Amino acid sequence: MSCRTMQAPDPRLRAAMGLVMLACTPGLLVLFWLHGWGVLFNLLLCAATALATESLLLAWRKQPIGPALNDGSALVTAVLLSAALPSLAPWWLPIIATSAAIGLGKQAFGGVGLNLFNPAMVGYAFVVLCFPLPMSHWASQAPDLLDSLRLSFGASPPVDAWASPTVLDALHHNRSLTIDELFAHHPAFGHLGGRDSEWVNLAFLLGGLFLLQRKVYSWHAPAGLLGGLFVFSLLGWNGSGSDSNGSPLLHLFSGSTMLTAFFIATEPVSGCRRPLSRLLFGAGAGLVIYLIRTWGSLPDGSAFAILLMNLAAPALDRWADRRQQAPT
């Protein structure tokens, strides 16, 4: 039955969305532990905005509201956005990002099952392009509840007092220190990658493995992205000098790598249908992420990598179909 006329939520979709939100829990808890109450504020604002925007647009389109809200897809978009946005974001940023995600990324194409692009990444890319300054402030420490309220809702000291460059920012703008010196002296660097982001990535890796075990999606897109990023960063790695682009392990455990691999690249509607094309989709995303991190103007280009590969997904599927149908 068409998603445009569906009168009741698909129980399989609702179950899958529930598992995705459950799998995000370890990553969200680690983010909360490391960055404080702003993570919770982002989650609440994104969730409320997603449900409100979805309801308003469905009512405007004269579509049934209950089934669309009950399938859980709007809440999954909200959860993914809240994990991707800076914890020091002002209150209006998650509202705008989520409105763009639901309005432009989902309902503009007709609703769940019809979106051309990953909705969460549409919202994220929208605020990166429109509001680059607040999107570049990541917490270097976890403010307490009162300071978090002040930072998020406008009655705050300068945000620079709480923020510091991420490991990808530091690597992107480094001109004099070796990689060993960065790991030894720069507060953003940890054991494998970012001091905080390596723990966040491990938590999202754990959640992604849970989804693979539950067969919510296949392994092809995550393996393609992680494998592609590993191979291309290995090929571009030039040691620990000051001009180094970073090791494969640094790229795998910094930024939003695991969130993108297991929760973004696996979105079934805007991704690919065939196992081979999913593998290529992930590998292409890994390549674009590495190119943007290394030579682009943004320290982490995961959202734009996924959106570009969303455009390529139909062509990859057609190529995989022809390859499967070709006589041996």
Protein backbone atom coordinates (compact mmCIF):
# COMPACT_ATOMS: atom_id res chain seq x y z
CA MET A 1 0.00 0.00 0.00
CA SER A 2 1.28 3.46 -0.81
CA CYS A 3 2.74 5.51 2.03
CA ARG A 4 0.48 8.36 0.89
CA THR A 5 -2.71 6.46 1.72
CA MET A 6 -1.60 4.23 4.57
CA GLN A 7 -4.13 4.42 7.41
CA ALA A 8 -2.16 2.53 10.03
CA PRO A 9 1.55 2.48 10.82
CA ASP A 10 3.47 -0.49 9.47
CA PRO A 11 4.31 -2.57 12.58
CA ARG A 12 7.63 -3.61 11.04
CA LEU A 13 8.59 0.03 10.49
CA ARG A 14 7.53 0.97 14.00
CA ALA A 15 9.51 -1.94 15.47
CA ALA A 16 12.60 -1.00 13.43
CA MET A 17 12.35 2.64 14.51
CA GLY A 18 12.07 1.55 18.12
CA LEU A 19 15.21 -0.57 17.82
CA VAL A 20 17.09 2.31 16.19
CA MET A 21 16.18 4.65 19.05
CA LEU A 22 17.19 1.98 21.57
CA ALA A 23 20.53 1.49 19.78
CA CYS A 24 21.18 5.24 19.93
CA THR A 25 20.88 5.19 23.73
CA PRO A 26 24.54 4.30 24.52
CA GLY A 27 25.81 7.08 22.27
CA LEU A 28 23.39 9.63 23.73
CA LEU A 29 24.33 8.65 27.28
CA VAL A 30 28.03 9.07 26.54
CA LEU A 31 27.34 12.43 24.89
CA PHE A 32 25.38 13.48 27.98
CA TRP A 33 28.18 12.29 30.27
CA LEU A 34 30.83 14.19 28.29
CA HIS A 35 28.96 17.34 27.23
CA GLY A 36 26.26 17.83 29.80
CA TRP A 37 22.66 18.96 29.84
CA GLY A 38 22.75 20.60 26.42
CA VAL A 39 22.50 17.13 24.85
CA LEU A 40 19.20 16.56 26.67
CA PHE A 41 17.93 20.02 25.69
CA ASN A 42 18.73 19.27 22.04
CA LEU A 43 16.91 15.94 22.26
CA LEU A 44 13.78 17.45 23.80
CA LEU A 45 13.69 20.40 21.38
CA CYS A 46 14.29 18.19 18.35
CA ALA A 47 11.63 15.68 19.40
CA ALA A 48 8.99 18.32 20.13
CA THR A 49 9.74 20.16 16.88
CA ALA A 50 9.68 16.96 14.81
CA LEU A 51 6.26 15.94 16.11
CA ALA A 52 4.84 19.46 15.79
CA THR A 53 6.20 20.03 12.28
CA GLU A 54 5.02 16.63 11.08
CA SER A 55 1.54 17.22 12.53
CA LEU A 56 1.20 20.69 11.02
CA LEU A 57 2.34 19.64 7.56
CA LEU A 58 0.17 16.54 7.53
CA ALA A 59 -2.84 18.61 8.57
CA TRP A 60 -2.04 21.14 5.83
CA ARG A 61 -1.82 18.29 3.30
CA LYS A 62 -5.06 16.80 4.69
CA GLN A 63 -3.32 13.54 5.57
CA PRO A 64 -4.00 11.40 8.67
CA ILE A 65 -1.75 12.51 11.51
CA GLY A 66 -1.90 9.58 13.93
CA PRO A 67 -0.34 6.85 11.76
CA ALA A 68 2.55 9.08 10.69
CA LEU A 69 3.41 10.03 14.26
CA ASN A 70 3.04 6.47 15.54
CA ASP A 71 5.53 4.95 13.08
CA GLY A 72 8.44 6.52 14.97
CA SER A 73 10.26 7.91 11.92
CA ALA A 74 9.94 11.55 13.03
CA LEU A 75 11.37 10.71 16.45
CA VAL A 76 14.28 8.82 14.89
CA THR A 77 15.10 11.91 12.81
CA ALA A 78 14.97 13.98 16.01
CA VAL A 79 17.24 11.58 17.90
CA LEU A 80 19.83 11.51 15.11
CA LEU A 81 19.83 15.29 14.81
CA SER A 82 20.19 15.75 18.56
CA ALA A 83 23.23 13.46 18.50
CA ALA A 84 24.80 15.40 15.63
CA LEU A 85 24.19 18.98 16.82
CA PRO A 86 26.62 20.74 19.18
CA SER A 87 25.62 20.47 22.82
CA LEU A 88 26.15 24.23 23.21
CA ALA A 89 23.70 25.05 20.42
CA PRO A 90 21.28 27.91 21.17
CA TRP A 91 17.68 26.80 21.59
CA TRP A 92 16.57 27.98 18.15
CA LEU A 93 19.19 25.93 16.27
CA PRO A 94 17.70 22.44 16.92
CA ILE A 95 14.24 23.86 16.17
CA ILE A 96 15.34 25.18 12.77
CA ALA A 97 17.36 22.04 11.97
CA THR A 98 14.47 19.72 12.81
CA SER A 99 11.92 21.85 10.96
CA ALA A 100 14.10 21.69 7.86
CA ALA A 101 14.64 17.95 8.30
CA ILE A 102 10.92 17.15 8.52
CA GLY A 103 9.67 19.85 6.17
CA LEU A 104 12.30 19.86 3.42
CA GLY A 105 13.80 16.42 3.86
CA LYS A 106 10.66 14.37 4.42
CA GLN A 107 7.24 15.98 3.90
CA ALA A 108 8.28 17.92 0.81
CA PHE A 109 8.72 14.55 -0.93
CA GLY A 110 5.43 13.12 0.34
CA GLY A 111 6.29 11.69 3.75
CA VAL A 112 7.84 8.51 5.09
CA GLY A 113 9.10 6.12 2.41
CA LEU A 114 9.26 8.79 -0.30
CA ASN A 115 12.19 11.00 0.69
CA LEU A 116 15.02 11.37 -1.79
CA PHE A 117 17.53 12.55 0.84
CA ASN A 118 18.23 11.50 4.41
CA PRO A 119 15.97 13.87 6.40
CA ALA A 120 18.30 14.27 9.39
CA MET A 121 21.19 15.20 7.12
CA VAL A 122 19.04 17.71 5.24
CA GLY A 123 18.35 19.47 8.52
CA TYR A 124 21.98 19.27 9.62
CA ALA A 125 23.33 20.58 6.32
CA PHE A 126 20.77 23.40 6.35
CA VAL A 127 21.97 24.80 9.67
CA VAL A 128 25.66 24.24 8.81
CA LEU A 129 25.26 26.38 5.71
CA CYS A 130 23.04 29.01 7.35
CA PHE A 131 24.61 29.21 10.82
CA PRO A 132 28.24 28.05 10.60
CA LEU A 133 29.42 29.84 13.75
CA PRO A 134 27.14 28.20 16.36
CA MET A 135 27.58 24.89 14.55
CA SER A 136 31.33 25.08 15.21
CA HIS A 137 31.12 25.39 19.02
CA TRP A 138 31.56 22.06 20.80
CA ALA A 139 31.80 21.81 24.57
CA SER A 140 35.27 21.27 26.02
CA GLN A 141 33.67 20.52 29.39
CA ALA A 142 30.22 19.64 30.67
CA PRO A 143 28.48 22.73 32.10
CA ASP A 144 26.19 22.20 35.06
CA LEU A 145 22.42 22.47 34.69
CA LEU A 146 22.21 26.21 35.40
CA ASP A 147 25.04 27.14 33.05
CA SER A 148 23.59 24.84 30.38
CA LEU A 149 20.24 26.61 30.64
CA ARG A 150 21.96 29.97 30.31
CA LEU A 151 24.02 28.84 27.33
CA SER A 152 21.09 27.26 25.51
CA PHE A 153 18.48 29.92 26.21
CA GLY A 154 20.46 33.11 25.84
CA ALA A 155 21.39 34.42 29.29
CA SER A 156 24.96 33.13 29.17
CA PRO A 157 28.59 34.17 29.27
CA PRO A 158 30.45 33.99 25.94
CA VAL A 159 30.26 30.49 24.54
CA ASP A 160 34.03 30.55 23.87
CA ALA A 161 34.53 30.16 27.60
CA TRP A 162 33.10 26.64 27.32
CA ALA A 163 34.06 25.60 23.79
CA SER A 164 37.29 24.40 22.20
CA PRO A 165 38.35 23.01 18.80
CA THR A 166 37.54 19.38 18.08
CA VAL A 167 40.27 16.96 17.03
CA LEU A 168 39.27 17.34 13.37
CA ASP A 169 39.37 21.15 13.68
CA ALA A 170 42.82 20.97 15.27
CA LEU A 171 44.09 18.57 12.61
CA HIS A 172 42.55 20.60 9.80
CA HIS A 173 44.24 23.84 10.88
CA ASN A 174 47.51 22.40 12.18
CA ARG A 175 50.59 23.81 10.47
CA SER A 176 53.47 23.25 12.89
CA LEU A 177 52.94 20.38 15.35
CA THR A 178 53.52 16.73 14.57
CA ILE A 179 50.75 14.21 15.16
CA ASP A 180 52.65 12.88 18.18
CA GLU A 181 52.86 16.39 19.63
CA LEU A 182 49.14 16.94 19.03
CA PHE A 183 48.27 13.73 20.84
CA ALA A 184 50.64 14.61 23.69
CA HIS A 185 49.69 18.24 24.23
CA HIS A 186 46.42 19.18 22.53
CA PRO A 187 43.42 18.72 24.87
CA ALA A 188 41.16 17.53 22.03
CA PHE A 189 43.23 14.40 21.33
CA GLY A 190 42.72 11.13 23.18
CA HIS A 191 44.12 7.63 22.62
CA LEU A 192 42.87 6.82 19.11
CA GLY A 193 41.16 9.98 17.94
CA GLY A 194 39.30 12.74 19.74
CA ARG A 195 39.44 12.63 23.53
CA ASP A 196 35.66 12.67 23.75
CA SER A 197 34.66 11.56 20.28
CA GLU A 198 36.48 8.22 20.53
CA TRP A 199 34.16 7.22 23.39
CA VAL A 200 31.11 8.51 21.54
CA ASN A 201 32.14 6.57 18.44
CA LEU A 202 32.65 3.39 20.45
CA ALA A 203 29.17 3.80 21.94
CA PHE A 204 27.54 4.26 18.52
CA LEU A 205 29.57 1.32 17.22
CA LEU A 206 28.07 -0.79 20.02
CA GLY A 207 24.58 0.36 19.07
CA GLY A 208 25.24 -0.32 15.38
CA LEU A 209 26.42 -3.86 16.09
CA PHE A 210 23.22 -4.42 18.07
CA LEU A 211 21.18 -3.37 15.02
CA LEU A 212 23.19 -5.69 12.80
CA GLN A 213 22.61 -8.54 15.23
CA ARG A 214 18.87 -7.83 15.16
CA LYS A 215 18.98 -7.70 11.34
CA VAL A 216 17.45 -4.23 11.17
CA TYR A 217 19.68 -3.64 8.14
CA SER A 218 22.49 -5.42 6.31
CA TRP A 219 26.19 -4.93 6.93
CA HIS A 220 27.00 -3.60 3.47
CA ALA A 221 26.62 0.19 3.89
CA PRO A 222 28.43 0.41 7.27
CA ALA A 223 31.22 -1.88 6.08
CA GLY A 224 31.55 0.11 2.86
CA LEU A 225 31.79 3.43 4.68
CA LEU A 226 34.21 2.27 7.37
CA GLY A 227 36.26 0.28 4.87
CA GLY A 228 36.33 3.14 2.38
CA LEU A 229 37.33 5.68 5.02
CA PHE A 230 40.02 3.32 6.34
CA VAL A 231 41.50 2.60 2.90
CA PHE A 232 41.49 6.19 1.66
CA SER A 233 42.89 7.57 4.91
CA LEU A 234 45.57 4.86 4.82
CA LEU A 235 46.49 5.82 1.25
CA GLY A 236 46.59 9.50 2.21
CA TRP A 237 48.42 9.01 5.50
CA ASN A 238 51.90 10.45 5.38
CA GLY A 239 53.14 9.60 8.84
CA SER A 240 53.19 11.80 11.92
CA GLY A 241 54.62 14.98 10.43
CA SER A 242 53.02 18.39 10.77
CA ASP A 243 51.46 18.02 7.31
CA SER A 244 49.89 14.64 8.13
CA ASN A 245 46.25 14.03 7.28
CA GLY A 246 45.80 11.70 10.25
CA SER A 247 45.90 7.94 10.62
CA PRO A 248 43.03 5.61 9.67
CA LEU A 249 42.26 4.96 13.35
CA LEU A 250 42.07 8.68 14.02
CA HIS A 251 39.51 9.11 11.23
CA LEU A 252 37.48 6.10 12.33
CA PHE A 253 37.19 7.28 15.93
CA SER A 254 36.78 11.02 15.44
CA GLY A 255 33.88 13.17 14.38
CA SER A 256 30.60 11.43 13.61
CA THR A 257 32.07 8.39 11.84
CA MET A 258 30.21 5.58 13.63
CA LEU A 259 26.96 7.54 13.88
CA THR A 260 27.11 8.10 10.13
CA ALA A 261 28.11 4.53 9.28
CA PHE A 262 25.49 2.71 11.37
CA PHE A 263 22.61 5.17 11.70
CA ILE A 264 22.76 7.52 8.69
CA ALA A 265 24.18 5.56 5.76
CA THR A 266 21.80 2.70 6.55
CA GLU A 267 18.60 4.73 6.02
CA PRO A 268 16.77 2.47 3.54
CA VAL A 269 14.65 4.96 1.58
CA SER A 270 17.36 7.39 0.48
CA GLY A 271 20.02 4.68 0.23
CA CYS A 272 20.48 1.76 -2.11
CA ARG A 273 18.46 -1.46 -2.48
CA ARG A 274 21.03 -4.00 -3.66
CA PRO A 275 23.82 -5.39 -1.44
CA LEU A 276 26.53 -4.44 -3.95
CA SER A 277 25.17 -0.94 -4.47
CA ARG A 278 24.90 -0.46 -0.68
CA LEU A 279 28.55 -1.42 -0.37
CA LEU A 280 29.49 1.10 -3.05
CA PHE A 281 27.22 3.71 -1.46
CA GLY A 282 29.10 3.35 1.82
CA ALA A 283 32.53 3.35 0.16
CA GLY A 284 31.65 6.50 -1.77
CA ALA A 285 30.50 8.18 1.42
CA GLY A 286 33.75 7.19 3.13
CA LEU A 287 35.77 8.69 0.28
CA VAL A 288 33.83 11.98 0.31
CA ILE A 289 34.12 12.23 4.11
CA TYR A 290 37.88 11.82 3.86
CA LEU A 291 38.19 14.34 1.02
CA ILE A 292 36.17 16.97 2.90
CA ARG A 293 38.07 16.38 6.13
CA THR A 294 41.39 16.65 4.36
CA TRP A 295 40.93 19.33 1.70
CA GLY A 296 37.51 20.84 2.28
CA SER A 297 36.54 23.91 4.28
CA LEU A 298 34.65 21.84 6.89
CA PRO A 299 36.40 19.64 9.48
CA ASP A 300 33.80 16.87 9.10
CA GLY A 301 31.73 16.41 5.96
CA SER A 302 29.57 13.41 6.86
CA ALA A 303 26.24 15.11 6.15
CA PHE A 304 27.30 16.33 2.72
CA ALA A 305 28.86 12.96 1.89
CA ILE A 306 25.57 11.20 2.61
CA LEU A 307 23.53 13.75 0.66
CA LEU A 308 25.81 13.43 -2.36
CA MET A 309 25.58 9.65 -2.23
CA ASN A 310 21.78 9.92 -1.93
CA LEU A 311 21.89 11.53 -5.37
CA ALA A 312 24.04 8.68 -6.68
CA ALA A 313 21.93 5.90 -5.12
CA PRO A 314 19.53 5.38 -8.10
CA ALA A 315 22.44 5.11 -10.52
CA LEU A 316 24.23 2.63 -8.25
CA ASP A 317 21.08 0.51 -8.02
CA ARG A 318 20.64 0.50 -11.80
CA TRP A 319 24.26 -0.54 -12.26
CA ALA A 320 23.86 -3.33 -9.69
CA ASP A 321 20.66 -4.51 -11.40
CA ARG A 322 22.35 -4.66 -14.81
CA ARG A 323 25.30 -6.49 -13.33
CA GLN A 324 23.00 -9.07 -11.72
CA GLN A 325 20.99 -9.54 -14.91
CA ALA A 326 24.03 -9.78 -17.19
CA PRO A 327 24.67 -13.31 -18.53
CA THR A 328 27.62 -15.08 -17.00
